[in-house]
Protein backbone atom coordinates (compact mmCIF):
# COMPACT_ATOMS: atom_id res chain seq x y z
CA MET A 1 52.96 76.21 3.84
CA ASP A 2 50.08 74.61 5.69
CA ASP A 3 51.40 71.04 5.66
CA CYS A 4 55.05 71.81 6.49
CA ILE A 5 55.97 70.65 10.01
CA PHE A 6 58.72 73.30 10.30
CA CYS A 7 56.28 76.07 9.30
CA LYS A 8 53.93 74.75 12.00
CA ILE A 9 56.76 74.93 14.55
CA VAL A 10 57.70 78.46 13.46
CA ASN A 11 54.05 79.53 13.79
CA GLY A 12 53.65 77.94 17.23
CA LYS A 13 51.22 75.28 16.00
CA SER A 14 53.53 72.36 16.83
CA PRO A 15 55.68 72.03 19.96
CA SER A 16 59.46 72.32 19.91
CA TYR A 17 62.45 72.77 22.19
CA LYS A 18 63.64 76.22 21.20
CA VAL A 19 67.28 77.19 21.74
CA TYR A 20 67.45 80.35 19.60
CA GLU A 21 65.12 82.84 17.95
CA ASP A 22 65.43 86.16 16.18
CA GLU A 23 63.31 87.97 13.59
CA LYS A 24 64.34 85.65 10.72
CA PHE A 25 65.47 82.33 12.23
CA ILE A 26 64.64 79.80 14.91
CA GLY A 27 66.87 77.07 16.34
CA ILE A 28 65.22 73.98 17.82
CA LEU A 29 66.44 70.67 19.16
CA ASP A 30 66.07 67.82 16.68
CA ILE A 31 63.60 65.31 18.18
CA PHE A 32 65.56 62.50 16.48
CA PRO A 33 69.01 63.68 17.55
CA ARG A 34 72.28 62.13 16.47
CA ALA A 35 73.96 63.70 19.52
CA LYS A 36 73.01 65.51 22.72
CA GLY A 37 72.22 69.07 21.65
CA HIS A 38 71.60 68.36 17.92
CA VAL A 39 69.97 71.58 16.67
CA LEU A 40 68.01 72.39 13.53
CA LEU A 41 68.30 76.00 12.39
CA LEU A 42 65.23 77.03 10.38
CA PRO A 43 64.37 80.20 8.49
CA LYS A 44 61.01 81.49 9.67
CA LYS A 45 59.96 82.03 6.06
CA HIS A 46 59.50 78.85 4.03
CA PHE A 47 62.26 78.09 1.53
CA GLN A 48 62.85 74.59 0.20
CA TRP A 49 66.65 74.73 0.11
CA VAL A 50 69.25 76.46 2.23
CA TYR A 51 70.74 78.10 -0.86
CA ASP A 52 67.35 79.66 -1.70
CA LEU A 53 67.59 82.07 1.24
CA PRO A 54 68.33 85.66 0.24
CA ASP A 55 70.13 86.11 3.60
CA PHE A 56 72.40 83.07 3.09
CA GLY A 57 75.36 84.71 4.87
CA LYS A 58 73.24 85.84 7.83
CA TYR A 59 71.85 82.30 8.10
CA TRP A 60 75.36 80.90 8.56
CA GLU A 61 76.25 83.70 11.01
CA VAL A 62 73.36 82.51 13.18
CA ALA A 63 74.61 78.91 12.84
CA LEU A 64 77.96 80.15 14.17
CA LYS A 65 76.23 81.88 17.13
CA ILE A 66 74.52 78.61 18.02
CA THR A 67 77.84 76.77 17.61
CA LYS A 68 79.54 79.13 20.08
CA ALA A 69 76.68 78.67 22.57
CA MET A 70 76.99 74.87 22.21
CA GLU A 71 80.74 75.01 22.80
CA LYS A 72 80.23 77.10 25.91
CA GLY A 73 77.17 75.34 27.33
CA LEU A 74 77.74 71.73 26.32
CA LYS A 75 81.56 71.61 26.34
CA THR A 76 81.78 70.03 22.89
CA THR A 77 84.90 68.68 21.17
CA PHE A 78 83.78 69.81 17.71
CA ILE A 79 80.62 70.58 15.76
CA HIS A 80 79.65 69.79 12.21
CA TYR A 81 76.88 70.92 9.89
CA LEU A 82 74.63 69.21 7.38
CA THR A 83 72.20 70.85 5.00
CA PHE A 84 70.47 67.95 3.31
CA GLY A 85 66.73 68.10 3.73
CA PHE A 86 65.07 65.21 2.02
CA HIS A 87 62.62 64.39 4.82
CA VAL A 88 61.26 67.92 5.30
CA SER A 89 61.28 70.31 2.35
CA HIS A 90 61.87 73.41 4.48
CA ALA A 91 65.44 74.68 4.51
CA HIS A 92 67.33 73.70 7.66
CA ILE A 93 70.87 73.36 8.88
CA HIS A 94 71.70 70.46 11.18
CA ILE A 95 74.16 71.66 13.83
CA ILE A 96 75.54 68.54 15.45
CA PRO A 97 77.86 68.62 18.47
CA HIS A 98 80.42 65.92 19.23
CA TYR A 99 82.05 65.09 22.54
CA LYS A 100 84.85 62.60 21.79
CA PRO A 101 88.11 62.97 19.89
CA ILE A 102 87.42 62.99 16.16
CA GLU A 103 89.06 59.61 15.52
CA GLN A 104 86.81 57.96 18.13
CA GLU A 105 83.59 59.53 16.91
CA SER A 106 81.05 57.38 15.11
CA HIS A 107 78.90 59.33 12.68
CA PHE A 108 75.21 58.94 12.09
CA GLY A 109 74.29 55.85 13.96
CA GLU A 110 70.86 55.41 15.39
CA ALA A 111 69.01 58.46 16.68
CA LEU A 112 69.36 58.98 20.41
CA LYS A 113 66.35 59.02 22.72
CA PHE A 114 65.78 61.69 25.36
CA SER A 115 62.88 62.30 27.72
CA LYS A 116 60.88 65.53 27.60
CA GLU A 117 62.75 66.66 30.72
CA GLU A 118 66.12 65.91 29.14
CA PHE A 119 65.17 67.85 25.98
CA GLU A 120 64.08 70.78 28.15
CA GLU A 121 67.36 70.71 30.11
CA ILE A 122 69.50 70.55 26.95
CA SER A 123 67.48 73.41 25.43
CA LYS A 124 67.98 75.47 28.58
CA ILE A 125 71.75 74.84 28.64
CA ILE A 126 72.23 75.99 25.04
CA SER A 127 69.85 78.96 25.13
CA SER A 128 71.32 80.28 28.38
CA ALA A 129 74.82 80.22 26.86
CA PHE A 130 74.05 83.14 24.49
């Protein structure tokens, strides 16, 4: 879709901080992250909802690959997933790492702010952990 920001990212027409890519999926850092290393996993083909993907199981297998890379590279405590997509109608899985014990973790406060250099470093840490 011409006006979809995620389609533009997939097609290289908008910048992103890529952490993963294969023939069907791309993982990028969320530019409004809720935690250091917050990744969005996108199908390269446009689907509105996660459950619309014909390769639903493969999609989650890739989410698990990214999770394992986050655990290794970022030394996370735990990781959770969200699949709501009200702001962008292109299927995406939020893969959100956490670094504190679960009972101390606050969920979904304000988005964190990182510099371009910090985004690049986080992207490098995760992508090199594969």
